[in-house]
Amino acid sequence: MLRRNLLAAALALVAVPTLAETTNPVLEIDVAGQANGTIRIELRPDLAPQHVARVIELAESGAYDGVVFHRVIEGFMAQTGDVEHGRAGASLARAGMGGSNLPDLPAEFTAEPFGRGVMGMARSQNPNSANSQFFLMFAPAPHLNGQYTVLGQITEGLDVLDAIKRGQGPNGAMIGEPDVMAAVRVIR
């Protein structure tokens, strides 16, 4: 019996895919500012094919490079991706209000829970308004389940996420210099 349990445990360990073995694309975000390092996110086209395609398109075009984390709430999430109004070095007065020049996306809600390290797509009150902004979860947020699109999971760099400068303004808005996505890449 013990031998069978050990064999089952060993087989289970072998069956877990590593980052190198995954067939899903990986988003790499180099963060600079108070936090410095790289966050790697396994994207989930099986959950949200249109949202994943959009993030890949924007990343590969360089649109996310130099975009700030404009809204960061302790114990909740860090939001970024406003390619229109969220550029480091420019006025950030409207950061969080913009998107890309591409059309908004229809919701791709699933039963996938919003746990620590999940990447979700930001939107307005209209469920079909996601465009370029996304957020990374510091902690589980079950109230978001089925209400926002899950499109990835952090596989490396949770320590970098945890170090991102927190917002001090209303609803997590940044005061002073926010941390920035210095460079964003897609690895296939």
N, C-alpha and C. Protein backbone atom coordinates (compact mmCIF):
# COMPACT_ATOMS: atom_id res chain seq x y z
N MET A 1 0.83 -1.20 0.00
CA MET A 1 0.00 0.00 0.00
C MET A 1 0.87 1.26 0.00
N LEU A 2 1.89 1.29 0.86
CA LEU A 2 2.78 2.44 0.92
C LEU A 2 3.50 2.63 -0.42
N ARG A 3 3.94 1.50 -1.01
CA ARG A 3 4.63 1.55 -2.29
C ARG A 3 3.72 2.14 -3.38
N ARG A 4 2.44 1.74 -3.40
CA ARG A 4 1.49 2.24 -4.38
C ARG A 4 1.28 3.75 -4.19
N ASN A 5 1.17 4.21 -2.93
CA ASN A 5 0.98 5.64 -2.66
C ASN A 5 2.20 6.45 -3.08
N LEU A 6 3.40 5.92 -2.84
CA LEU A 6 4.61 6.61 -3.26
C LEU A 6 4.70 6.70 -4.78
N LEU A 7 4.34 5.61 -5.45
CA LEU A 7 4.35 5.60 -6.90
C LEU A 7 3.35 6.62 -7.45
N ALA A 8 2.15 6.67 -6.87
CA ALA A 8 1.13 7.63 -7.32
C ALA A 8 1.61 9.07 -7.10
N ALA A 9 2.26 9.32 -5.95
CA ALA A 9 2.77 10.66 -5.67
C ALA A 9 3.87 11.03 -6.66
N ALA A 10 4.75 10.10 -6.97
CA ALA A 10 5.83 10.36 -7.92
C ALA A 10 5.27 10.64 -9.32
N LEU A 11 4.28 9.88 -9.74
CA LEU A 11 3.67 10.11 -11.05
C LEU A 11 2.96 11.45 -11.10
N ALA A 12 2.33 11.84 -10.01
CA ALA A 12 1.64 13.14 -9.97
C ALA A 12 2.64 14.28 -10.13
N LEU A 13 3.82 14.15 -9.51
CA LEU A 13 4.84 15.18 -9.64
C LEU A 13 5.34 15.28 -11.07
N VAL A 14 5.51 14.16 -11.73
CA VAL A 14 5.98 14.14 -13.11
C VAL A 14 4.95 14.77 -14.04
N ALA A 15 3.67 14.66 -13.72
CA ALA A 15 2.60 15.13 -14.59
C ALA A 15 2.40 16.64 -14.54
N VAL A 16 2.96 17.33 -13.54
CA VAL A 16 2.77 18.77 -13.42
C VAL A 16 3.65 19.47 -14.45
N PRO A 17 3.06 20.25 -15.38
CA PRO A 17 3.87 20.91 -16.40
C PRO A 17 4.68 22.05 -15.80
N THR A 18 5.88 22.24 -16.28
CA THR A 18 6.70 23.37 -15.87
C THR A 18 6.48 24.50 -16.86
N LEU A 19 7.04 25.69 -16.55
CA LEU A 19 6.90 26.84 -17.44
C LEU A 19 7.44 26.51 -18.83
N ALA A 20 8.56 25.76 -18.86
CA ALA A 20 9.16 25.43 -20.14
C ALA A 20 8.29 24.47 -20.95
N GLU A 21 7.45 23.69 -20.26
CA GLU A 21 6.63 22.70 -20.95
C GLU A 21 5.27 23.21 -21.37
N THR A 22 4.85 24.33 -20.85
CA THR A 22 3.52 24.83 -21.17
C THR A 22 3.43 25.24 -22.64
N THR A 23 2.27 25.06 -23.21
CA THR A 23 2.06 25.48 -24.59
C THR A 23 1.41 26.86 -24.64
N ASN A 24 1.03 27.38 -23.49
CA ASN A 24 0.42 28.71 -23.45
C ASN A 24 1.48 29.79 -23.56
N PRO A 25 1.14 30.92 -24.18
CA PRO A 25 2.09 32.03 -24.23
C PRO A 25 2.31 32.60 -22.83
N VAL A 26 3.48 33.20 -22.64
CA VAL A 26 3.85 33.80 -21.36
C VAL A 26 4.09 35.29 -21.58
N LEU A 27 3.50 36.11 -20.72
CA LEU A 27 3.73 37.55 -20.75
C LEU A 27 4.79 37.86 -19.70
N GLU A 28 5.88 38.50 -20.12
CA GLU A 28 6.93 38.91 -19.20
C GLU A 28 6.88 40.42 -19.06
N ILE A 29 6.78 40.87 -17.82
CA ILE A 29 6.71 42.31 -17.52
C ILE A 29 7.90 42.68 -16.66
N ASP A 30 8.78 43.56 -17.18
CA ASP A 30 9.87 44.10 -16.39
C ASP A 30 9.33 45.32 -15.66
N VAL A 31 9.31 45.26 -14.34
CA VAL A 31 8.78 46.34 -13.51
C VAL A 31 9.94 47.18 -12.99
N ALA A 32 9.79 48.50 -13.03
CA ALA A 32 10.81 49.41 -12.51
C ALA A 32 10.15 50.44 -11.61
N GLY A 33 10.89 50.88 -10.60
CA GLY A 33 10.40 51.86 -9.64
C GLY A 33 10.69 51.37 -8.24
N GLN A 34 9.72 51.45 -7.38
CA GLN A 34 9.89 50.90 -6.03
C GLN A 34 10.10 49.39 -6.13
N ALA A 35 9.38 48.76 -7.03
CA ALA A 35 9.57 47.33 -7.32
C ALA A 35 10.49 47.24 -8.53
N ASN A 36 11.38 46.28 -8.51
CA ASN A 36 12.28 46.05 -9.64
C ASN A 36 12.41 44.56 -9.85
N GLY A 37 12.09 44.11 -11.05
CA GLY A 37 12.19 42.70 -11.35
C GLY A 37 11.22 42.34 -12.46
N THR A 38 11.08 41.04 -12.67
CA THR A 38 10.24 40.55 -13.76
C THR A 38 9.11 39.70 -13.22
N ILE A 39 7.92 39.96 -13.76
CA ILE A 39 6.73 39.15 -13.46
C ILE A 39 6.44 38.34 -14.72
N ARG A 40 6.27 37.03 -14.54
CA ARG A 40 5.92 36.15 -15.67
C ARG A 40 4.51 35.63 -15.45
N ILE A 41 3.70 35.76 -16.49
CA ILE A 41 2.29 35.38 -16.41
C ILE A 41 2.00 34.38 -17.52
N GLU A 42 1.51 33.21 -17.15
CA GLU A 42 1.05 32.26 -18.15
C GLU A 42 -0.33 32.71 -18.60
N LEU A 43 -0.45 33.05 -19.86
CA LEU A 43 -1.73 33.49 -20.41
C LEU A 43 -2.61 32.28 -20.69
N ARG A 44 -3.92 32.47 -20.61
CA ARG A 44 -4.87 31.37 -20.72
C ARG A 44 -5.85 31.58 -21.87
N PRO A 45 -5.41 31.31 -23.12
CA PRO A 45 -6.33 31.45 -24.24
C PRO A 45 -7.51 30.48 -24.17
N ASP A 46 -7.38 29.42 -23.39
CA ASP A 46 -8.50 28.50 -23.21
C ASP A 46 -9.64 29.15 -22.45
N LEU A 47 -9.34 30.15 -21.62
CA LEU A 47 -10.38 30.85 -20.85
C LEU A 47 -10.88 32.10 -21.57
N ALA A 48 -9.97 32.83 -22.21
CA ALA A 48 -10.32 34.13 -22.77
C ALA A 48 -9.52 34.39 -24.05
N PRO A 49 -9.86 33.70 -25.13
CA PRO A 49 -9.05 33.81 -26.35
C PRO A 49 -8.94 35.23 -26.91
N GLN A 50 -10.02 36.00 -26.89
CA GLN A 50 -9.98 37.36 -27.45
C GLN A 50 -9.16 38.30 -26.57
N HIS A 51 -9.29 38.16 -25.25
CA HIS A 51 -8.54 39.01 -24.33
C HIS A 51 -7.05 38.70 -24.39
N VAL A 52 -6.71 37.42 -24.44
CA VAL A 52 -5.30 37.03 -24.56
C VAL A 52 -4.72 37.54 -25.87
N ALA A 53 -5.45 37.39 -26.96
CA ALA A 53 -4.98 37.89 -28.25
C ALA A 53 -4.74 39.40 -28.20
N ARG A 54 -5.60 40.14 -27.53
CA ARG A 54 -5.45 41.59 -27.43
C ARG A 54 -4.18 41.95 -26.64
N VAL A 55 -3.98 41.31 -25.50
CA VAL A 55 -2.80 41.60 -24.68
C VAL A 55 -1.53 41.26 -25.46
N ILE A 56 -1.53 40.15 -26.17
CA ILE A 56 -0.38 39.78 -26.98
C ILE A 56 -0.12 40.83 -28.07
N GLU A 57 -1.19 41.24 -28.75
CA GLU A 57 -1.05 42.25 -29.81
C GLU A 57 -0.45 43.54 -29.27
N LEU A 58 -0.95 44.01 -28.14
CA LEU A 58 -0.45 45.26 -27.55
C LEU A 58 0.98 45.10 -27.06
N ALA A 59 1.29 43.97 -26.45
CA ALA A 59 2.65 43.73 -25.95
C ALA A 59 3.64 43.66 -27.11
N GLU A 60 3.30 42.91 -28.14
CA GLU A 60 4.22 42.75 -29.27
C GLU A 60 4.42 44.04 -30.06
N SER A 61 3.46 44.93 -30.01
CA SER A 61 3.60 46.22 -30.70
C SER A 61 4.37 47.24 -29.86
N GLY A 62 4.67 46.90 -28.60
CA GLY A 62 5.38 47.82 -27.70
C GLY A 62 4.47 48.78 -26.98
N ALA A 63 3.16 48.64 -27.14
CA ALA A 63 2.21 49.59 -26.55
C ALA A 63 2.27 49.62 -25.02
N TYR A 64 2.61 48.50 -24.39
CA TYR A 64 2.65 48.45 -22.92
C TYR A 64 3.96 48.97 -22.34
N ASP A 65 5.00 49.08 -23.14
CA ASP A 65 6.29 49.55 -22.64
C ASP A 65 6.15 50.99 -22.13
N GLY A 66 6.59 51.23 -20.89
CA GLY A 66 6.54 52.57 -20.32
C GLY A 66 5.20 52.96 -19.73
N VAL A 67 4.29 52.00 -19.55
CA VAL A 67 2.97 52.30 -18.97
C VAL A 67 3.03 52.04 -17.46
N VAL A 68 2.44 52.96 -16.69
CA VAL A 68 2.51 52.92 -15.22
C VAL A 68 1.43 52.03 -14.61
N PHE A 69 1.68 51.64 -13.36
CA PHE A 69 0.65 51.04 -12.51
C PHE A 69 -0.09 52.22 -11.89
N HIS A 70 -1.26 52.56 -12.43
CA HIS A 70 -1.95 53.79 -12.05
C HIS A 70 -2.88 53.63 -10.86
N ARG A 71 -3.23 52.41 -10.52
CA ARG A 71 -4.17 52.16 -9.41
C ARG A 71 -3.71 50.90 -8.68
N VAL A 72 -3.29 51.07 -7.43
CA VAL A 72 -2.75 49.95 -6.66
C VAL A 72 -3.35 49.98 -5.26
N ILE A 73 -4.12 48.96 -4.94
CA ILE A 73 -4.83 48.90 -3.66
C ILE A 73 -4.27 47.76 -2.81
N GLU A 74 -3.72 48.11 -1.66
CA GLU A 74 -3.17 47.13 -0.72
C GLU A 74 -4.17 46.02 -0.44
N GLY A 75 -3.71 44.78 -0.51
CA GLY A 75 -4.55 43.63 -0.21
C GLY A 75 -5.56 43.29 -1.29
N PHE A 76 -5.51 43.98 -2.42
CA PHE A 76 -6.48 43.75 -3.49
C PHE A 76 -5.77 43.52 -4.83
N MET A 77 -5.34 44.61 -5.51
CA MET A 77 -4.76 44.43 -6.84
C MET A 77 -3.95 45.64 -7.27
N ALA A 78 -3.13 45.41 -8.36
CA ALA A 78 -2.37 46.47 -9.02
C ALA A 78 -2.86 46.55 -10.46
N GLN A 79 -3.30 47.74 -10.88
CA GLN A 79 -3.87 47.91 -12.22
C GLN A 79 -2.94 48.74 -13.09
N THR A 80 -2.86 48.35 -14.37
CA THR A 80 -2.00 49.00 -15.35
C THR A 80 -2.61 48.82 -16.74
N GLY A 81 -1.90 49.23 -17.76
CA GLY A 81 -2.32 48.94 -19.13
C GLY A 81 -3.05 50.06 -19.85
N ASP A 82 -3.13 51.25 -19.25
CA ASP A 82 -3.76 52.37 -19.95
C ASP A 82 -2.75 52.94 -20.94
N VAL A 83 -2.77 52.40 -22.15
CA VAL A 83 -1.78 52.78 -23.17
C VAL A 83 -2.04 54.18 -23.74
N GLU A 84 -3.20 54.74 -23.45
CA GLU A 84 -3.55 56.07 -23.95
C GLU A 84 -3.13 57.17 -22.98
N HIS A 85 -3.45 57.02 -21.68
CA HIS A 85 -3.20 58.09 -20.70
C HIS A 85 -2.24 57.69 -19.59
N GLY A 86 -1.64 56.52 -19.67
CA GLY A 86 -0.83 56.02 -18.57
C GLY A 86 0.66 55.92 -18.83
N ARG A 87 1.19 56.78 -19.66
CA ARG A 87 2.61 56.73 -20.01
C ARG A 87 3.48 57.43 -18.97
N ALA A 88 4.52 56.76 -18.53
CA ALA A 88 5.48 57.37 -17.61
C ALA A 88 6.09 58.60 -18.28
N GLY A 89 6.28 59.65 -17.49
CA GLY A 89 6.87 60.87 -18.03
C GLY A 89 5.87 61.84 -18.62
N ALA A 90 4.63 61.41 -18.83
CA ALA A 90 3.58 62.29 -19.35
C ALA A 90 2.63 62.64 -18.19
N SER A 91 1.69 63.51 -18.46
CA SER A 91 0.69 63.82 -17.45
C SER A 91 -0.14 62.56 -17.18
N LEU A 92 -0.30 62.24 -15.90
CA LEU A 92 -1.07 61.05 -15.52
C LEU A 92 -2.44 61.43 -14.97
N ALA A 93 -2.86 62.68 -15.20
CA ALA A 93 -4.12 63.16 -14.67
C ALA A 93 -5.31 62.30 -15.12
N ARG A 94 -5.23 61.70 -16.30
CA ARG A 94 -6.34 60.88 -16.82
C ARG A 94 -6.02 59.39 -16.83
N ALA A 95 -4.91 59.01 -16.19
CA ALA A 95 -4.50 57.60 -16.16
C ALA A 95 -5.64 56.75 -15.59
N GLY A 96 -5.94 55.68 -16.30
CA GLY A 96 -7.03 54.79 -15.91
C GLY A 96 -8.31 55.05 -16.66
N MET A 97 -8.35 56.11 -17.44
CA MET A 97 -9.56 56.45 -18.19
C MET A 97 -9.46 56.07 -19.67
N GLY A 98 -8.30 55.59 -20.10
CA GLY A 98 -8.11 55.33 -21.52
C GLY A 98 -7.95 53.86 -21.85
N GLY A 99 -7.71 53.63 -23.11
CA GLY A 99 -7.49 52.29 -23.62
C GLY A 99 -6.62 52.39 -24.85
N SER A 100 -6.79 51.47 -25.74
CA SER A 100 -6.04 51.49 -27.00
C SER A 100 -6.96 52.03 -28.10
N ASN A 101 -6.45 52.08 -29.32
CA ASN A 101 -7.29 52.51 -30.44
C ASN A 101 -8.05 51.33 -31.04
N LEU A 102 -7.99 50.18 -30.41
CA LEU A 102 -8.70 48.98 -30.87
C LEU A 102 -10.10 48.95 -30.25
N PRO A 103 -11.04 48.23 -30.85
CA PRO A 103 -12.39 48.17 -30.28
C PRO A 103 -12.43 47.43 -28.94
N ASP A 104 -13.41 47.78 -28.13
CA ASP A 104 -13.60 47.08 -26.86
C ASP A 104 -13.94 45.61 -27.12
N LEU A 105 -13.71 44.79 -26.10
CA LEU A 105 -13.90 43.34 -26.23
C LEU A 105 -15.17 42.88 -25.53
N PRO A 106 -15.84 41.87 -26.07
CA PRO A 106 -16.97 41.27 -25.36
C PRO A 106 -16.47 40.47 -24.17
N ALA A 107 -17.25 40.44 -23.12
CA ALA A 107 -16.87 39.70 -21.91
C ALA A 107 -16.60 38.23 -22.22
N GLU A 108 -15.61 37.68 -21.54
CA GLU A 108 -15.31 36.24 -21.61
C GLU A 108 -15.23 35.72 -20.17
N PHE A 109 -16.34 35.83 -19.46
CA PHE A 109 -16.39 35.42 -18.07
C PHE A 109 -16.43 33.90 -17.97
N THR A 110 -15.73 33.37 -16.97
CA THR A 110 -15.70 31.93 -16.71
C THR A 110 -15.86 31.71 -15.21
N ALA A 111 -15.83 30.46 -14.81
CA ALA A 111 -15.90 30.10 -13.39
C ALA A 111 -14.52 30.14 -12.74
N GLU A 112 -13.47 30.46 -13.50
CA GLU A 112 -12.11 30.52 -12.94
C GLU A 112 -12.07 31.57 -11.84
N PRO A 113 -11.64 31.20 -10.62
CA PRO A 113 -11.68 32.15 -9.50
C PRO A 113 -10.56 33.19 -9.53
N PHE A 114 -10.82 34.34 -8.96
CA PHE A 114 -9.83 35.39 -8.81
C PHE A 114 -9.04 35.15 -7.53
N GLY A 115 -7.95 34.40 -7.67
CA GLY A 115 -7.06 34.11 -6.55
C GLY A 115 -5.82 34.96 -6.63
N ARG A 116 -4.93 34.75 -5.68
CA ARG A 116 -3.65 35.47 -5.66
C ARG A 116 -2.89 35.20 -6.96
N GLY A 117 -2.37 36.26 -7.58
CA GLY A 117 -1.57 36.13 -8.78
C GLY A 117 -2.35 36.04 -10.07
N VAL A 118 -3.66 36.10 -10.00
CA VAL A 118 -4.48 36.04 -11.22
C VAL A 118 -4.37 37.37 -11.97
N MET A 119 -4.34 37.28 -13.29
CA MET A 119 -4.40 38.46 -14.16
C MET A 119 -5.83 38.56 -14.68
N GLY A 120 -6.46 39.70 -14.42
CA GLY A 120 -7.81 39.95 -14.88
C GLY A 120 -7.85 41.17 -15.77
N MET A 121 -8.85 41.24 -16.62
CA MET A 121 -8.99 42.38 -17.53
C MET A 121 -9.90 43.41 -16.89
N ALA A 122 -9.44 44.65 -16.87
CA ALA A 122 -10.23 45.75 -16.31
C ALA A 122 -11.30 46.16 -17.32
N ARG A 123 -12.37 46.73 -16.80
CA ARG A 123 -13.47 47.20 -17.64
C ARG A 123 -14.24 48.27 -16.89
N SER A 124 -15.16 48.94 -17.58
CA SER A 124 -16.06 49.88 -16.92
C SER A 124 -17.27 49.09 -16.40
N GLN A 125 -18.34 49.76 -16.07
CA GLN A 125 -19.53 49.04 -15.62
C GLN A 125 -20.17 48.21 -16.73
N ASN A 126 -19.87 48.55 -17.96
CA ASN A 126 -20.34 47.77 -19.10
C ASN A 126 -19.48 46.50 -19.19
N PRO A 127 -20.06 45.31 -19.06
CA PRO A 127 -19.26 44.08 -19.10
C PRO A 127 -18.48 43.88 -20.40
N ASN A 128 -18.91 44.55 -21.48
CA ASN A 128 -18.26 44.41 -22.78
C ASN A 128 -17.38 45.60 -23.12
N SER A 129 -16.66 46.12 -22.12
CA SER A 129 -15.86 47.33 -22.33
C SER A 129 -14.37 47.13 -22.08
N ALA A 130 -13.91 45.91 -21.87
CA ALA A 130 -12.47 45.68 -21.68
C ALA A 130 -11.73 46.09 -22.95
N ASN A 131 -10.53 46.66 -22.78
CA ASN A 131 -9.77 47.11 -23.95
C ASN A 131 -8.29 46.79 -23.79
N SER A 132 -7.58 47.52 -22.95
CA SER A 132 -6.14 47.31 -22.80
C SER A 132 -5.70 47.17 -21.35
N GLN A 133 -6.49 47.69 -20.43
CA GLN A 133 -6.09 47.69 -19.02
C GLN A 133 -6.32 46.32 -18.38
N PHE A 134 -5.39 45.98 -17.48
CA PHE A 134 -5.52 44.73 -16.74
C PHE A 134 -5.04 44.93 -15.31
N PHE A 135 -5.31 43.94 -14.47
CA PHE A 135 -4.89 44.02 -13.07
C PHE A 135 -4.36 42.67 -12.61
N LEU A 136 -3.48 42.74 -11.59
CA LEU A 136 -2.85 41.57 -11.01
C LEU A 136 -3.23 41.50 -9.54
N MET A 137 -3.69 40.34 -9.11
CA MET A 137 -4.28 40.18 -7.77
C MET A 137 -3.22 39.93 -6.69
N PHE A 138 -3.26 40.76 -5.63
CA PHE A 138 -2.43 40.52 -4.44
C PHE A 138 -3.03 39.39 -3.60
N ALA A 139 -4.34 39.27 -3.62
CA ALA A 139 -5.04 38.31 -2.75
C ALA A 139 -6.32 37.86 -3.45
N PRO A 140 -6.91 36.77 -2.98
CA PRO A 140 -8.18 36.33 -3.57
C PRO A 140 -9.25 37.41 -3.45
N ALA A 141 -10.13 37.48 -4.45
CA ALA A 141 -11.24 38.43 -4.46
C ALA A 141 -12.47 37.74 -5.05
N PRO A 142 -13.13 36.89 -4.26
CA PRO A 142 -14.27 36.12 -4.78
C PRO A 142 -15.39 36.98 -5.35
N HIS A 143 -15.50 38.25 -4.92
CA HIS A 143 -16.57 39.11 -5.44
C HIS A 143 -16.37 39.44 -6.92
N LEU A 144 -15.16 39.19 -7.47
CA LEU A 144 -14.92 39.41 -8.89
C LEU A 144 -15.26 38.18 -9.74
N ASN A 145 -15.38 37.03 -9.10
CA ASN A 145 -15.62 35.78 -9.83
C ASN A 145 -16.86 35.89 -10.71
N GLY A 146 -16.70 35.55 -11.99
CA GLY A 146 -17.82 35.58 -12.93
C GLY A 146 -18.25 36.97 -13.36
N GLN A 147 -17.52 38.01 -12.88
CA GLN A 147 -17.87 39.39 -13.20
C GLN A 147 -16.81 40.08 -14.05
N TYR A 148 -15.61 39.50 -14.07
CA TYR A 148 -14.48 40.03 -14.84
C TYR A 148 -13.80 38.86 -15.53
N THR A 149 -13.07 39.16 -16.59
CA THR A 149 -12.40 38.13 -17.39
C THR A 149 -11.04 37.78 -16.80
N VAL A 150 -10.84 36.49 -16.51
CA VAL A 150 -9.54 35.97 -16.10
C VAL A 150 -8.79 35.60 -17.37
N LEU A 151 -7.54 36.08 -17.50
CA LEU A 151 -6.78 35.73 -18.68
C LEU A 151 -5.38 35.22 -18.41
N GLY A 152 -5.00 35.06 -17.15
CA GLY A 152 -3.68 34.52 -16.87
C GLY A 152 -3.42 34.33 -15.39
N GLN A 153 -2.24 33.74 -15.11
CA GLN A 153 -1.81 33.46 -13.74
C GLN A 153 -0.31 33.71 -13.64
N ILE A 154 0.09 34.46 -12.63
CA ILE A 154 1.52 34.69 -12.40
C ILE A 154 2.18 33.37 -12.03
N THR A 155 3.26 33.04 -12.72
CA THR A 155 4.02 31.82 -12.43
C THR A 155 5.35 32.14 -11.76
N GLU A 156 5.86 33.35 -11.97
CA GLU A 156 7.10 33.80 -11.34
C GLU A 156 6.98 35.31 -11.10
N GLY A 157 7.54 35.76 -9.97
CA GLY A 157 7.59 37.20 -9.72
C GLY A 157 6.52 37.72 -8.76
N LEU A 158 5.94 36.84 -7.95
CA LEU A 158 4.97 37.34 -6.96
C LEU A 158 5.64 38.31 -6.00
N ASP A 159 6.94 38.12 -5.73
CA ASP A 159 7.67 39.04 -4.86
C ASP A 159 7.76 40.43 -5.51
N VAL A 160 7.89 40.48 -6.83
CA VAL A 160 7.91 41.76 -7.54
C VAL A 160 6.54 42.41 -7.47
N LEU A 161 5.49 41.63 -7.69
CA LEU A 161 4.13 42.15 -7.57
C LEU A 161 3.92 42.75 -6.18
N ASP A 162 4.33 42.01 -5.14
CA ASP A 162 4.13 42.47 -3.76
C ASP A 162 4.88 43.76 -3.45
N ALA A 163 5.95 44.04 -4.19
CA ALA A 163 6.76 45.23 -3.93
C ALA A 163 6.28 46.47 -4.68
N ILE A 164 5.29 46.33 -5.58
CA ILE A 164 4.81 47.49 -6.35
C ILE A 164 4.29 48.56 -5.40
N LYS A 165 4.65 49.81 -5.70
CA LYS A 165 4.25 50.95 -4.89
C LYS A 165 2.72 51.04 -4.80
N ARG A 166 2.22 51.19 -3.58
CA ARG A 166 0.78 51.29 -3.35
C ARG A 166 0.28 52.70 -3.58
N GLY A 167 -0.95 52.80 -4.06
CA GLY A 167 -1.59 54.09 -4.25
C GLY A 167 -2.02 54.68 -2.92
N GLN A 168 -1.91 55.98 -2.81
CA GLN A 168 -2.31 56.68 -1.58
C GLN A 168 -3.53 57.57 -1.81
N GLY A 169 -3.94 57.71 -3.05
CA GLY A 169 -5.08 58.56 -3.38
C GLY A 169 -6.39 57.79 -3.29
N PRO A 170 -7.50 58.45 -3.64
CA PRO A 170 -8.80 57.80 -3.61
C PRO A 170 -8.82 56.53 -4.49
N ASN A 171 -9.35 55.46 -3.93
CA ASN A 171 -9.51 54.20 -4.65
C ASN A 171 -8.18 53.67 -5.21
N GLY A 172 -7.09 53.92 -4.47
CA GLY A 172 -5.79 53.39 -4.87
C GLY A 172 -5.05 54.19 -5.91
N ALA A 173 -5.50 55.41 -6.21
CA ALA A 173 -4.83 56.24 -7.22
C ALA A 173 -3.41 56.58 -6.75
N MET A 174 -2.51 56.67 -7.70
CA MET A 174 -1.11 56.95 -7.39
C MET A 174 -0.90 58.43 -7.12
N ILE A 175 -0.05 58.69 -6.13
CA ILE A 175 0.41 60.04 -5.82
C ILE A 175 1.92 60.00 -5.98
N GLY A 176 2.47 60.95 -6.73
CA GLY A 176 3.91 60.93 -6.98
C GLY A 176 4.23 60.00 -8.14
N GLU A 177 5.43 59.44 -8.11
CA GLU A 177 5.92 58.59 -9.21
C GLU A 177 5.45 57.15 -9.03
N PRO A 178 4.63 56.65 -9.94
CA PRO A 178 4.20 55.25 -9.86
C PRO A 178 5.26 54.31 -10.43
N ASP A 179 5.17 53.05 -10.07
CA ASP A 179 5.99 52.03 -10.71
C ASP A 179 5.50 51.87 -12.15
N VAL A 180 6.37 51.32 -12.99
CA VAL A 180 6.10 51.29 -14.42
C VAL A 180 6.45 49.92 -15.02
N MET A 181 5.71 49.55 -16.07
CA MET A 181 6.08 48.39 -16.87
C MET A 181 7.15 48.90 -17.84
N ALA A 182 8.40 48.72 -17.52
CA ALA A 182 9.48 49.24 -18.34
C ALA A 182 9.52 48.56 -19.71
N ALA A 183 9.29 47.26 -19.71
CA ALA A 183 9.27 46.49 -20.96
C ALA A 183 8.34 45.29 -20.78
N VAL A 184 7.62 44.97 -21.83
CA VAL A 184 6.68 43.85 -21.81
C VAL A 184 6.93 42.99 -23.05
N ARG A 185 7.10 41.69 -22.83
CA ARG A 185 7.39 40.75 -23.92
C ARG A 185 6.44 39.57 -23.87
N VAL A 186 6.29 38.91 -25.01
CA VAL A 186 5.53 37.68 -25.09
C VAL A 186 6.50 36.57 -25.48
N ILE A 187 6.44 35.48 -24.74
CA ILE A 187 7.24 34.29 -25.05
C ILE A 187 6.29 33.19 -25.44
N ARG A 188 6.51 32.63 -26.61
CA ARG A 188 5.62 31.56 -27.10
C ARG A 188 6.33 30.22 -27.05
